[in-house]
Amino acid sequence: MTRRLISVACDLEQSELGQRRLQWDALIEQALVEKQTTDRGVRLVFDRGAELELVRLVGAERECCGFASWIVTPGPGGGFLLEVEADGMGADAVRSMFA
């Protein structure tokens, strides 16, 4: 049997991690409507004014945190649904990002 290991790591430097955290915190404070943890990560609902920043941050996360899937779809009330999912320890990492 062959086992495939998936790295649960972010490619950002420590200073970049802090900056990214501040960007997510600002978006969450301004536009988060609902947050739900799931078996594989998180489901976040943002209001309609979040589109540009949400798309920018998700694009950046896809580059540095390839262990997770980052999916944005239309959400309730004209807002946006972000689902971030990963397997195993990656799911724990995702949930801790948005704790």
N, C-alpha and C. Protein backbone atom coordinates (compact mmCIF):
# COMPACT_ATOMS: atom_id res chain seq x y z
N MET A 1 0.83 -1.17 0.00
CA MET A 1 0.00 0.00 0.00
C MET A 1 0.89 1.25 0.00
N THR A 2 0.55 2.22 -0.85
CA THR A 2 1.28 3.47 -0.92
C THR A 2 0.51 4.54 -0.16
N ARG A 3 1.21 5.25 0.70
CA ARG A 3 0.58 6.34 1.46
C ARG A 3 1.07 7.65 0.90
N ARG A 4 0.16 8.55 0.71
CA ARG A 4 0.50 9.88 0.22
C ARG A 4 0.43 10.86 1.38
N LEU A 5 1.51 11.57 1.63
CA LEU A 5 1.54 12.56 2.70
C LEU A 5 1.24 13.93 2.13
N ILE A 6 0.39 14.65 2.80
CA ILE A 6 0.05 16.00 2.39
C ILE A 6 0.62 16.94 3.43
N SER A 7 1.42 17.87 2.98
CA SER A 7 2.01 18.84 3.89
C SER A 7 0.96 19.85 4.34
N VAL A 8 0.91 20.08 5.63
CA VAL A 8 0.02 21.09 6.19
C VAL A 8 0.90 22.25 6.62
N ALA A 9 1.23 23.09 5.66
CA ALA A 9 2.12 24.20 5.94
C ALA A 9 1.77 25.37 5.05
N CYS A 10 2.05 26.53 5.56
CA CYS A 10 1.86 27.76 4.81
C CYS A 10 3.23 28.22 4.34
N ASP A 11 3.31 28.73 3.12
CA ASP A 11 4.57 29.16 2.55
C ASP A 11 4.97 30.58 2.95
N LEU A 12 4.17 31.26 3.76
CA LEU A 12 4.47 32.64 4.12
C LEU A 12 5.54 32.71 5.21
N GLU A 13 6.32 33.77 5.16
CA GLU A 13 7.27 34.07 6.23
C GLU A 13 6.49 34.55 7.46
N GLN A 14 7.10 34.52 8.62
CA GLN A 14 6.42 34.90 9.85
C GLN A 14 5.84 36.31 9.78
N SER A 15 6.58 37.27 9.23
CA SER A 15 6.07 38.65 9.14
C SER A 15 4.88 38.73 8.19
N GLU A 16 4.90 37.93 7.13
CA GLU A 16 3.80 37.90 6.18
C GLU A 16 2.56 37.26 6.81
N LEU A 17 2.77 36.26 7.65
CA LEU A 17 1.65 35.62 8.34
C LEU A 17 0.90 36.62 9.21
N GLY A 18 1.64 37.45 9.92
CA GLY A 18 1.02 38.46 10.78
C GLY A 18 0.20 39.46 9.97
N GLN A 19 0.75 39.89 8.86
CA GLN A 19 0.05 40.83 7.99
C GLN A 19 -1.22 40.20 7.42
N ARG A 20 -1.12 38.97 6.97
CA ARG A 20 -2.28 38.27 6.41
C ARG A 20 -3.36 38.10 7.48
N ARG A 21 -2.93 37.77 8.71
CA ARG A 21 -3.89 37.61 9.81
C ARG A 21 -4.66 38.91 10.04
N LEU A 22 -3.95 40.03 10.00
CA LEU A 22 -4.60 41.34 10.19
C LEU A 22 -5.61 41.61 9.08
N GLN A 23 -5.29 41.22 7.85
CA GLN A 23 -6.20 41.42 6.73
C GLN A 23 -7.47 40.59 6.90
N TRP A 24 -7.31 39.31 7.30
CA TRP A 24 -8.48 38.47 7.55
C TRP A 24 -9.29 39.02 8.72
N ASP A 25 -8.63 39.43 9.78
CA ASP A 25 -9.33 39.98 10.95
C ASP A 25 -10.18 41.19 10.57
N ALA A 26 -9.61 42.08 9.73
CA ALA A 26 -10.35 43.27 9.31
C ALA A 26 -11.57 42.89 8.48
N LEU A 27 -11.41 41.96 7.55
CA LEU A 27 -12.54 41.53 6.73
C LEU A 27 -13.62 40.87 7.59
N ILE A 28 -13.20 40.02 8.49
CA ILE A 28 -14.15 39.33 9.37
C ILE A 28 -14.90 40.33 10.24
N GLU A 29 -14.18 41.30 10.78
CA GLU A 29 -14.83 42.30 11.64
C GLU A 29 -15.84 43.13 10.85
N GLN A 30 -15.52 43.46 9.61
CA GLN A 30 -16.38 44.33 8.80
C GLN A 30 -17.53 43.60 8.13
N ALA A 31 -17.34 42.34 7.74
CA ALA A 31 -18.31 41.75 6.82
C ALA A 31 -18.79 40.33 7.14
N LEU A 32 -18.28 39.71 8.20
CA LEU A 32 -18.70 38.35 8.50
C LEU A 32 -20.14 38.34 9.03
N VAL A 33 -20.97 37.50 8.43
CA VAL A 33 -22.36 37.37 8.82
C VAL A 33 -22.56 36.11 9.66
N GLU A 34 -21.87 35.03 9.28
CA GLU A 34 -22.06 33.75 9.95
C GLU A 34 -20.80 32.91 9.82
N LYS A 35 -20.50 32.15 10.86
CA LYS A 35 -19.36 31.22 10.83
C LYS A 35 -19.80 29.89 11.36
N GLN A 36 -19.38 28.83 10.67
CA GLN A 36 -19.73 27.47 11.08
C GLN A 36 -18.51 26.58 10.88
N THR A 37 -18.16 25.80 11.89
CA THR A 37 -17.10 24.82 11.70
C THR A 37 -17.73 23.56 11.09
N THR A 38 -16.93 22.86 10.31
CA THR A 38 -17.39 21.63 9.67
C THR A 38 -16.38 20.52 9.97
N ASP A 39 -16.70 19.31 9.56
CA ASP A 39 -15.79 18.19 9.76
C ASP A 39 -14.45 18.41 9.06
N ARG A 40 -14.49 19.15 7.94
CA ARG A 40 -13.28 19.33 7.15
C ARG A 40 -12.74 20.75 7.17
N GLY A 41 -13.32 21.66 7.97
CA GLY A 41 -12.82 23.03 8.01
C GLY A 41 -13.83 24.03 8.51
N VAL A 42 -14.10 25.05 7.67
CA VAL A 42 -15.04 26.10 8.06
C VAL A 42 -15.90 26.53 6.88
N ARG A 43 -17.04 27.10 7.23
CA ARG A 43 -17.95 27.71 6.25
C ARG A 43 -18.25 29.10 6.79
N LEU A 44 -17.91 30.13 6.00
CA LEU A 44 -18.09 31.51 6.42
C LEU A 44 -19.00 32.23 5.43
N VAL A 45 -19.92 33.02 5.94
CA VAL A 45 -20.80 33.82 5.09
C VAL A 45 -20.43 35.29 5.30
N PHE A 46 -20.17 35.98 4.18
CA PHE A 46 -19.81 37.39 4.21
C PHE A 46 -20.89 38.20 3.51
N ASP A 47 -21.04 39.45 3.90
CA ASP A 47 -22.04 40.29 3.23
C ASP A 47 -21.53 40.71 1.85
N ARG A 48 -22.42 41.29 1.07
CA ARG A 48 -22.11 41.59 -0.34
C ARG A 48 -20.97 42.59 -0.51
N GLY A 49 -20.71 43.44 0.45
CA GLY A 49 -19.63 44.41 0.34
C GLY A 49 -18.24 43.81 0.45
N ALA A 50 -18.14 42.53 0.76
CA ALA A 50 -16.86 41.88 0.99
C ALA A 50 -16.22 41.32 -0.28
N GLU A 51 -16.90 41.37 -1.40
CA GLU A 51 -16.47 40.63 -2.58
C GLU A 51 -15.02 40.87 -2.98
N LEU A 52 -14.62 42.09 -3.18
CA LEU A 52 -13.26 42.36 -3.69
C LEU A 52 -12.18 41.88 -2.73
N GLU A 53 -12.31 42.20 -1.46
CA GLU A 53 -11.29 41.78 -0.48
C GLU A 53 -11.32 40.27 -0.28
N LEU A 54 -12.49 39.68 -0.27
CA LEU A 54 -12.60 38.23 -0.11
C LEU A 54 -11.93 37.50 -1.26
N VAL A 55 -12.20 37.92 -2.47
CA VAL A 55 -11.59 37.29 -3.64
C VAL A 55 -10.07 37.49 -3.62
N ARG A 56 -9.61 38.66 -3.21
CA ARG A 56 -8.16 38.92 -3.14
C ARG A 56 -7.50 38.02 -2.10
N LEU A 57 -8.08 37.93 -0.91
CA LEU A 57 -7.49 37.10 0.14
C LEU A 57 -7.54 35.62 -0.21
N VAL A 58 -8.63 35.16 -0.77
CA VAL A 58 -8.73 33.75 -1.15
C VAL A 58 -7.69 33.43 -2.21
N GLY A 59 -7.49 34.31 -3.18
CA GLY A 59 -6.45 34.09 -4.19
C GLY A 59 -5.07 33.98 -3.57
N ALA A 60 -4.80 34.83 -2.60
CA ALA A 60 -3.50 34.78 -1.91
C ALA A 60 -3.36 33.50 -1.11
N GLU A 61 -4.42 33.06 -0.45
CA GLU A 61 -4.36 31.83 0.34
C GLU A 61 -4.16 30.60 -0.55
N ARG A 62 -4.75 30.61 -1.70
CA ARG A 62 -4.58 29.47 -2.61
C ARG A 62 -3.11 29.30 -3.01
N GLU A 63 -2.38 30.41 -3.07
CA GLU A 63 -0.96 30.36 -3.43
C GLU A 63 -0.09 29.83 -2.30
N CYS A 64 -0.40 30.16 -1.06
CA CYS A 64 0.49 29.80 0.04
C CYS A 64 0.01 28.59 0.86
N CYS A 65 -1.27 28.30 0.80
CA CYS A 65 -1.83 27.22 1.61
C CYS A 65 -2.55 26.21 0.72
N GLY A 66 -1.77 25.57 -0.12
CA GLY A 66 -2.31 24.63 -1.09
C GLY A 66 -2.86 23.35 -0.50
N PHE A 67 -2.66 23.12 0.78
CA PHE A 67 -3.19 21.91 1.42
C PHE A 67 -4.70 21.98 1.59
N ALA A 68 -5.29 23.17 1.43
CA ALA A 68 -6.72 23.36 1.63
C ALA A 68 -7.39 23.81 0.34
N SER A 69 -8.68 23.52 0.23
CA SER A 69 -9.45 24.06 -0.89
C SER A 69 -10.16 25.32 -0.39
N TRP A 70 -10.19 26.34 -1.24
CA TRP A 70 -10.77 27.63 -0.91
C TRP A 70 -11.83 27.93 -1.97
N ILE A 71 -13.10 27.79 -1.63
CA ILE A 71 -14.17 27.92 -2.61
C ILE A 71 -15.11 29.05 -2.20
N VAL A 72 -15.28 30.02 -3.11
CA VAL A 72 -16.21 31.13 -2.89
C VAL A 72 -17.38 30.96 -3.85
N THR A 73 -18.59 31.02 -3.32
CA THR A 73 -19.80 30.93 -4.12
C THR A 73 -20.79 31.99 -3.65
N PRO A 74 -21.79 32.29 -4.48
CA PRO A 74 -22.82 33.23 -4.02
C PRO A 74 -23.48 32.69 -2.76
N GLY A 75 -23.75 33.59 -1.84
CA GLY A 75 -24.36 33.20 -0.58
C GLY A 75 -25.71 33.84 -0.39
N PRO A 76 -26.28 33.69 0.76
CA PRO A 76 -27.60 34.24 1.03
C PRO A 76 -27.61 35.77 1.01
N GLY A 77 -28.71 36.33 0.56
CA GLY A 77 -28.88 37.78 0.61
C GLY A 77 -27.92 38.55 -0.26
N GLY A 78 -27.40 37.95 -1.29
CA GLY A 78 -26.46 38.64 -2.16
C GLY A 78 -25.04 38.64 -1.65
N GLY A 79 -24.80 37.95 -0.55
CA GLY A 79 -23.46 37.86 0.02
C GLY A 79 -22.66 36.74 -0.60
N PHE A 80 -21.65 36.29 0.11
CA PHE A 80 -20.73 35.28 -0.41
C PHE A 80 -20.45 34.22 0.64
N LEU A 81 -20.38 32.98 0.18
CA LEU A 81 -20.08 31.85 1.03
C LEU A 81 -18.65 31.40 0.74
N LEU A 82 -17.83 31.32 1.78
CA LEU A 82 -16.47 30.80 1.66
C LEU A 82 -16.41 29.48 2.40
N GLU A 83 -16.04 28.43 1.68
CA GLU A 83 -15.84 27.12 2.29
C GLU A 83 -14.36 26.77 2.16
N VAL A 84 -13.72 26.56 3.30
CA VAL A 84 -12.32 26.18 3.34
C VAL A 84 -12.26 24.78 3.93
N GLU A 85 -11.71 23.84 3.16
CA GLU A 85 -11.69 22.45 3.60
C GLU A 85 -10.32 21.82 3.37
N ALA A 86 -10.01 20.86 4.23
CA ALA A 86 -8.77 20.09 4.10
C ALA A 86 -8.99 18.74 4.78
N ASP A 87 -8.08 17.84 4.55
CA ASP A 87 -8.15 16.52 5.17
C ASP A 87 -7.28 16.47 6.42
N GLY A 88 -7.65 15.58 7.34
CA GLY A 88 -6.82 15.29 8.51
C GLY A 88 -6.43 16.50 9.31
N MET A 89 -5.13 16.62 9.55
CA MET A 89 -4.60 17.73 10.33
C MET A 89 -4.82 19.07 9.63
N GLY A 90 -4.96 19.03 8.33
CA GLY A 90 -5.24 20.25 7.58
C GLY A 90 -6.55 20.88 8.00
N ALA A 91 -7.56 20.05 8.29
CA ALA A 91 -8.85 20.57 8.75
C ALA A 91 -8.69 21.29 10.08
N ASP A 92 -7.86 20.75 10.97
CA ASP A 92 -7.59 21.42 12.24
C ASP A 92 -6.90 22.76 12.01
N ALA A 93 -5.96 22.79 11.08
CA ALA A 93 -5.26 24.04 10.76
C ALA A 93 -6.22 25.08 10.22
N VAL A 94 -7.12 24.66 9.35
CA VAL A 94 -8.10 25.57 8.78
C VAL A 94 -9.01 26.14 9.88
N ARG A 95 -9.51 25.27 10.73
CA ARG A 95 -10.39 25.74 11.81
C ARG A 95 -9.66 26.71 12.74
N SER A 96 -8.38 26.46 13.00
CA SER A 96 -7.64 27.36 13.90
C SER A 96 -7.38 28.71 13.24
N MET A 97 -7.29 28.73 11.91
CA MET A 97 -7.10 30.02 11.20
C MET A 97 -8.28 30.95 11.45
N PHE A 98 -9.47 30.38 11.59
CA PHE A 98 -10.67 31.19 11.70
C PHE A 98 -11.36 31.04 13.06
N ALA A 99 -10.58 30.66 14.08
CA ALA A 99 -11.13 30.49 15.43
C ALA A 99 -11.46 31.83 16.07
